[in-house]
């Protein structure tokens, strides 16, 4: 459905744009700042903010607006609706405790991954990521698994419309080579990325499939770059990672 459709409710879309604006750092914004971030007029933003304050989703001290705890329910509604989230949380906790490395689960949202779970290891990696954090999909192992699972026409459209800018000296930016990498990920059933987003971090990921075999998410193990090669990571972590994905899927199937 396009934004020009009669069924598209602009007031709801504008309301969500203000909620998203208030979630941007530093976490509180003036009316003018919120309107600018949401690309709305001040008059429209003022009405939406007043409504959010009345509904207890937003607080105001007279100058600044910030989200209140009730807004957290919007995100939790999505997580609670995922049929695998509770199973995945327990399974990834067990995996993290077993191997001593950071573990994560993410879903694809257009050109980005969104973390639905992230369980850091005791030794802290340099990233500051949590549930809801977003990253460019092609730069991380989780994203490459999810991109590789796209239908061929959607994958081709993604590669054709991408602006793959370098983030580190190791970042792959050529669409043809990225396409070849995704083809290999689809064939081999896992993705490995080393230092393409952060030169200090590498990771290995596998798909998480639902009851009918469709890829609905990806799970990963992440570690400090330079501590392990792809071959070593594959030998040490691929089997337990795939077993964890299968365990989560089995619990989804048995819960039907």
Foldseek 3Di string as FASTA:
>chain_A
DDCPDPPRDVLVVLLVLLVVQCVDPPFKDFLVSSCVSSVHDSVSSVVSQVVCVVVQQWDDPPGIIGGDPVVVVVVVVVLVPPLLNVVLVVLLVVVCVVPQFKKFKWFDDQQKIFTCAIDGGPPDDPDDDGGGDIDGLLQAFFSLQNLLLDPPVSNVVPLVPDQQDFQDPPADGHSVVSVVQSPVCNVVFKGWHACRNHNQKIKMKGFQAAQVGRGGMMMMTMDTHPPDDPVRCCVPPVVSRVVSSVSSRVVRVVVD
